[in-house]
Amino acid sequence: MSKATRSTWRCFECRSAPKDSDLLTCPDANPSQNEAFLKSIFDKMGEQIASTIRRELNPFKEEMKEKLSLMQSSLDSCLEQYSSLSSELSGIRHDLESIKNENLQARVKLLEEKIAELPVAGRFDAELILSEVEERRRRSSNVLFFKVPESGSNVPSESTAHDLGCVKGFLDTLSPGLSGHAQRGFRLGKRSPDNVRPLKVVFDSSSTATQVMSSVRSAIAPMYTISADRTVRQRDFLQHVRSELKTRSEKGEPNLTIKFISGIPRIVTSYPAGPEKSSKNAWDPLPAPST
């Protein structure tokens, strides 16, 4: 038997059995067999396709699960923040209602009372201004001296002469001729063994008083400290400026001091001077109330 014959040879039973192609094309084949065969082929193809799809989609499935998990976490966080904001808004609403119903009404009432207490604008305000101007003009010729030793005499004329003698001697050491402009002097307040009362000295003019204060200010380690004779309003304003200076210095602003510009105290920035200017520290202390 030749090689070609051996490759195509089949036994009788095999030759008698129908081929797969015959089942599809042979008109005498059994239809149920064809359907079963086709169904088995389609089932195998479906399983292969489904397996391939699952294999291809598996990475996307894991990625989708991760993203959904992140979205769920973000949603939970948003819900928590919403709950917190809702609680805070409720508190703010309650506070606003409280202010509206109680605190605001009380403040408005207090404002109305203060407005009602304000003086009527017009002649009354003008009188106050004119009175303050006149009081300042009258005091402009006075200078207050501090730490001037008091006389032990109970005779007013002797104690007055003693006080003026101390002041005139001090002025002569500063500038000859100033002492002759001092007209009279008197102590402020009641006598006390534990306290030296300020001495108010009246000069012949406001320009002389200004010259005296300038001479004391420029002196090195003066014997006495001095101050202008201020009105109550001037003293209150100076005290306010000093309180503001203290507050600003405590907050860290450096090199602040009070400087009198045209007779009005202002807070300015300065830098430490040499020892020859140390006498400025004794300049213009807050005076005791004068009469």
Protein backbone atom coordinates (compact mmCIF):
# COMPACT_ATOMS: atom_id res chain seq x y z
CA MET A 1 0.00 0.00 0.00
CA SER A 2 1.40 3.24 -1.06
CA LYS A 3 2.02 6.18 1.26
CA ALA A 4 -0.81 8.29 -0.26
CA THR A 5 -3.21 5.35 0.13
CA ARG A 6 -2.24 4.80 3.79
CA SER A 7 -2.93 8.48 4.66
CA THR A 8 -6.49 8.35 3.32
CA TRP A 9 -7.42 4.79 4.20
CA ARG A 10 -10.31 4.21 6.61
CA CYS A 11 -12.05 1.12 7.80
CA PHE A 12 -15.55 0.19 6.67
CA GLU A 13 -17.26 1.49 9.83
CA CYS A 14 -15.44 4.79 9.62
CA ARG A 15 -16.31 5.11 6.00
CA SER A 16 -19.91 4.34 6.85
CA ALA A 17 -20.11 7.03 9.68
CA PRO A 18 -21.18 10.53 8.54
CA LYS A 19 -18.74 13.43 8.75
CA ASP A 20 -19.42 16.61 10.78
CA SER A 21 -19.77 18.52 7.53
CA ASP A 22 -22.24 15.95 6.32
CA LEU A 23 -24.40 16.62 9.36
CA LEU A 24 -24.57 20.29 8.38
CA THR A 25 -25.07 19.77 4.65
CA CYS A 26 -26.63 16.41 4.28
CA PRO A 27 -30.35 16.78 3.68
CA ASP A 28 -30.98 13.36 5.17
CA ALA A 29 -29.27 14.21 8.48
CA ASN A 30 -31.34 14.32 11.72
CA PRO A 31 -32.26 18.00 12.58
CA SER A 32 -32.06 17.42 16.32
CA GLN A 33 -28.48 16.27 15.93
CA ASN A 34 -27.66 19.43 13.99
CA GLU A 35 -29.20 21.67 16.65
CA ALA A 36 -27.41 19.89 19.46
CA PHE A 37 -24.14 20.19 17.62
CA LEU A 38 -24.66 23.91 16.92
CA LYS A 39 -25.75 24.53 20.52
CA SER A 40 -22.61 22.87 21.86
CA ILE A 41 -20.49 25.04 19.57
CA PHE A 42 -22.29 28.21 20.60
CA ASP A 43 -22.06 27.29 24.29
CA LYS A 44 -18.32 26.79 24.01
CA MET A 45 -17.98 30.07 22.13
CA GLY A 46 -20.14 31.85 24.72
CA GLU A 47 -18.05 30.49 27.59
CA GLN A 48 -14.86 31.57 25.85
CA ILE A 49 -16.26 35.04 25.11
CA ALA A 50 -17.57 35.42 28.66
CA SER A 51 -14.24 34.28 30.09
CA THR A 52 -12.40 36.74 27.85
CA ILE A 53 -14.72 39.59 28.84
CA ARG A 54 -14.38 38.79 32.54
CA ARG A 55 -10.61 38.62 32.20
CA GLU A 56 -10.50 41.96 30.35
CA LEU A 57 -12.95 43.71 32.66
CA ASN A 58 -11.47 42.44 35.92
CA PRO A 59 -8.89 45.34 36.25
CA PHE A 60 -11.62 47.88 35.51
CA LYS A 61 -13.82 46.22 38.10
CA GLU A 62 -11.19 46.66 40.81
CA GLU A 63 -10.58 50.25 39.74
CA MET A 64 -14.30 50.99 39.82
CA LYS A 65 -14.58 49.44 43.27
CA GLU A 66 -11.73 51.68 44.51
CA LYS A 67 -13.28 54.80 43.01
CA LEU A 68 -16.68 53.96 44.42
CA SER A 69 -15.07 53.47 47.82
CA LEU A 70 -13.40 56.88 47.58
CA MET A 71 -16.66 58.47 46.51
CA GLN A 72 -18.41 56.87 49.45
CA SER A 73 -15.74 58.23 51.84
CA SER A 74 -16.04 61.71 50.33
CA LEU A 75 -19.80 61.56 50.61
CA ASP A 76 -19.55 60.52 54.27
CA SER A 77 -17.14 63.41 54.93
CA CYS A 78 -19.51 65.86 53.21
CA LEU A 79 -22.39 64.60 55.29
CA GLU A 80 -20.36 65.05 58.49
CA GLN A 81 -19.37 68.60 57.50
CA TYR A 82 -22.95 69.40 56.59
CA SER A 83 -24.09 68.15 59.96
CA SER A 84 -21.44 70.28 61.70
CA LEU A 85 -22.31 73.38 59.67
CA SER A 86 -25.98 72.85 60.33
CA SER A 87 -25.28 72.72 64.05
CA GLU A 88 -23.13 75.88 63.91
CA LEU A 89 -25.75 77.73 61.87
CA SER A 90 -28.35 76.77 64.41
CA GLY A 91 -26.15 78.21 67.18
CA ILE A 92 -25.53 81.42 65.22
CA ARG A 93 -29.24 81.77 64.53
CA HIS A 94 -29.93 81.38 68.23
CA ASP A 95 -27.31 84.00 69.14
CA LEU A 96 -28.70 86.44 66.58
CA GLU A 97 -32.19 85.96 67.91
CA SER A 98 -30.88 86.55 71.44
CA ILE A 99 -29.09 89.75 70.38
CA LYS A 100 -32.10 90.92 68.44
CA ASN A 101 -34.54 90.25 71.24
CA GLU A 102 -32.54 91.34 74.29
CA ASN A 103 -29.06 92.79 73.88
CA LEU A 104 -29.82 95.00 70.90
CA GLN A 105 -32.92 96.45 72.51
CA ALA A 106 -30.97 97.19 75.70
CA ARG A 107 -28.21 98.91 73.72
CA VAL A 108 -30.68 100.99 71.77
CA LYS A 109 -32.37 102.03 74.98
CA LEU A 110 -29.02 102.97 76.54
CA LEU A 111 -28.13 104.99 73.44
CA GLU A 112 -31.42 106.83 73.61
CA GLU A 113 -30.82 107.67 77.26
CA LYS A 114 -27.33 109.00 76.52
CA ILE A 115 -28.59 111.06 73.62
CA ALA A 116 -31.28 112.51 75.84
CA GLU A 117 -28.60 113.53 78.37
CA LEU A 118 -26.52 115.41 75.79
CA PRO A 119 -26.63 119.21 76.14
CA VAL A 120 -28.67 121.15 73.67
CA ALA A 121 -26.47 122.53 70.89
CA GLY A 122 -26.20 126.30 70.68
CA ARG A 123 -25.63 128.88 73.39
CA PHE A 124 -24.79 126.33 76.11
CA ASP A 125 -21.94 124.77 74.07
CA ALA A 126 -20.60 128.20 73.15
CA GLU A 127 -20.55 129.19 76.82
CA LEU A 128 -18.54 126.11 77.73
CA ILE A 129 -16.00 126.81 74.99
CA LEU A 130 -15.64 130.46 75.94
CA SER A 131 -15.29 129.55 79.59
CA GLU A 132 -12.54 127.01 78.81
CA VAL A 133 -10.67 129.53 76.63
CA GLU A 134 -10.80 132.17 79.33
CA GLU A 135 -9.66 129.70 81.99
CA ARG A 136 -6.67 128.68 79.89
CA ARG A 137 -5.77 132.31 79.23
CA ARG A 138 -5.85 133.04 82.96
CA ARG A 139 -3.67 130.04 83.80
CA SER A 140 -1.16 130.65 81.00
CA SER A 141 0.91 132.98 83.27
CA ASN A 142 1.22 130.34 86.02
CA VAL A 143 3.85 127.67 86.54
CA LEU A 144 3.62 124.79 89.03
CA PHE A 145 6.81 123.91 90.93
CA PHE A 146 7.17 120.52 92.61
CA LYS A 147 9.33 119.36 95.52
CA VAL A 148 9.97 122.92 96.76
CA PRO A 149 10.58 122.60 100.52
CA GLU A 150 7.79 124.08 102.62
CA SER A 151 8.36 126.60 105.37
CA GLY A 152 7.82 125.51 108.96
CA SER A 153 6.20 128.84 109.81
CA ASN A 154 2.47 129.06 110.40
CA VAL A 155 2.42 132.74 109.42
CA PRO A 156 1.13 132.99 105.81
CA SER A 157 3.31 135.95 104.85
CA GLU A 158 6.46 134.25 106.12
CA SER A 159 5.71 130.95 104.39
CA THR A 160 4.90 132.78 101.14
CA ALA A 161 8.13 134.77 101.31
CA HIS A 162 10.05 131.55 101.95
CA ASP A 163 8.45 129.82 98.94
CA LEU A 164 9.11 132.72 96.58
CA GLY A 165 12.68 133.01 97.84
CA CYS A 166 13.31 129.33 96.99
CA VAL A 167 11.84 129.71 93.51
CA LYS A 168 13.68 132.97 92.76
CA GLY A 169 16.98 131.50 93.88
CA PHE A 170 16.38 128.53 91.59
CA LEU A 171 15.50 130.81 88.64
CA ASP A 172 18.63 132.90 89.13
CA THR A 173 20.72 129.77 88.62
CA LEU A 174 19.01 129.21 85.27
CA SER A 175 18.81 132.68 83.78
CA PRO A 176 19.53 135.95 85.62
CA GLY A 177 16.54 138.25 85.48
CA LEU A 178 13.81 135.63 85.49
CA SER A 179 13.31 135.83 89.24
CA GLY A 180 12.17 139.46 89.00
CA HIS A 181 9.12 138.43 86.99
CA ALA A 182 7.70 136.18 89.73
CA GLN A 183 4.83 138.12 91.30
CA ARG A 184 3.27 135.84 93.89
CA GLY A 185 2.97 132.20 94.88
CA PHE A 186 0.78 129.90 96.94
CA ARG A 187 0.56 126.23 97.82
CA LEU A 188 -2.08 123.87 96.44
CA GLY A 189 -3.97 121.53 98.76
CA LYS A 190 -3.81 120.98 102.48
CA ARG A 191 -0.58 120.81 104.44
CA SER A 192 0.59 117.28 105.19
CA PRO A 193 3.76 116.10 106.97
CA ASP A 194 4.14 113.22 104.49
CA ASN A 195 3.72 115.23 101.32
CA VAL A 196 5.24 118.41 99.85
CA ARG A 197 2.48 120.41 98.22
CA PRO A 198 2.94 121.85 94.71
CA LEU A 199 3.73 125.57 94.58
CA LYS A 200 1.89 127.72 92.03
CA VAL A 201 3.87 130.80 90.99
CA VAL A 202 2.20 133.61 89.04
CA PHE A 203 4.42 135.50 86.58
CA ASP A 204 3.80 138.83 84.88
CA SER A 205 2.88 137.29 81.49
CA SER A 206 2.35 134.04 79.65
CA SER A 207 5.53 134.60 77.62
CA THR A 208 7.56 134.78 80.86
CA ALA A 209 5.95 131.55 82.08
CA THR A 210 6.87 129.88 78.78
CA GLN A 211 10.46 131.15 79.07
CA VAL A 212 10.72 129.76 82.62
CA MET A 213 9.51 126.33 81.53
CA SER A 214 11.88 126.33 78.55
CA SER A 215 14.84 127.23 80.81
CA VAL A 216 14.02 124.44 83.26
CA ARG A 217 13.59 121.97 80.42
CA SER A 218 16.99 122.72 78.95
CA ALA A 219 18.74 122.58 82.34
CA ILE A 220 20.83 119.59 83.37
CA ALA A 221 19.40 117.89 86.49
CA PRO A 222 17.24 120.82 87.64
CA MET A 223 16.56 121.30 91.34
CA TYR A 224 12.78 121.29 90.92
CA THR A 225 10.35 119.85 88.38
CA ILE A 226 7.67 122.03 86.87
CA SER A 227 4.44 121.90 84.92
CA ALA A 228 2.05 124.25 83.19
CA ASP A 229 -1.06 125.21 85.12
CA ARG A 230 -3.65 123.23 83.19
CA THR A 231 -7.41 123.24 83.33
CA VAL A 232 -9.38 120.14 84.28
CA ARG A 233 -10.07 119.35 80.63
CA GLN A 234 -6.39 119.71 79.76
CA ARG A 235 -5.39 117.36 82.59
CA ASP A 236 -7.99 114.81 81.52
CA PHE A 237 -6.75 114.92 77.93
CA LEU A 238 -3.12 114.55 79.03
CA GLN A 239 -4.05 111.57 81.18
CA HIS A 240 -5.81 110.03 78.18
CA VAL A 241 -2.71 110.52 76.01
CA ARG A 242 -0.51 108.93 78.68
CA SER A 243 -2.84 105.92 78.91
CA GLU A 244 -2.67 105.53 75.14
CA LEU A 245 1.13 105.78 75.27
CA LYS A 246 1.25 103.02 77.89
CA THR A 247 -1.04 100.77 75.86
CA ARG A 248 0.92 101.21 72.65
CA SER A 249 4.25 100.67 74.44
CA GLU A 250 2.98 97.46 76.02
CA LYS A 251 1.98 96.23 72.56
CA GLY A 252 5.60 96.58 71.41
CA GLU A 253 5.79 99.98 69.68
CA PRO A 254 9.31 101.27 70.42
CA ASN A 255 10.66 104.77 71.15
CA LEU A 256 7.31 106.43 71.85
CA THR A 257 7.09 109.60 73.92
CA ILE A 258 4.79 112.56 74.50
CA LYS A 259 5.70 115.84 72.86
CA PHE A 260 3.86 119.12 73.29
CA ILE A 261 3.11 120.64 69.89
CA SER A 262 1.62 124.15 70.15
CA GLY A 263 0.77 123.33 73.75
CA ILE A 264 -1.10 120.10 72.86
CA PRO A 265 0.33 116.74 73.97
CA ARG A 266 0.95 114.31 71.12
CA ILE A 267 2.47 110.83 70.94
CA VAL A 268 5.53 110.87 68.68
CA THR A 269 8.46 108.58 67.90
CA SER A 270 11.81 109.61 69.27
CA TYR A 271 15.15 107.99 70.01
CA PRO A 272 17.06 107.86 73.31
CA ALA A 273 19.21 110.93 73.84
CA GLY A 274 22.55 111.23 75.63
CA PRO A 275 22.99 111.82 79.36
CA GLU A 276 22.94 115.57 78.83
CA LYS A 277 19.23 115.31 77.94
CA SER A 278 18.23 113.22 80.92
CA SER A 279 16.58 116.22 82.56
CA LYS A 280 13.67 115.82 80.11
CA ASN A 281 12.46 112.88 82.14
CA ALA A 282 11.58 115.27 84.93
CA TRP A 283 9.77 117.66 82.60
CA ASP A 284 6.09 118.39 82.96
CA PRO A 285 4.76 115.81 85.46
CA LEU A 286 1.01 115.41 85.82
CA PRO A 287 0.12 118.17 88.29
CA ALA A 288 -2.19 117.94 91.23
CA PRO A 289 -5.55 119.69 90.81
CA SER A 290 -5.11 123.42 91.24
CA THR A 291 -7.45 126.09 92.44
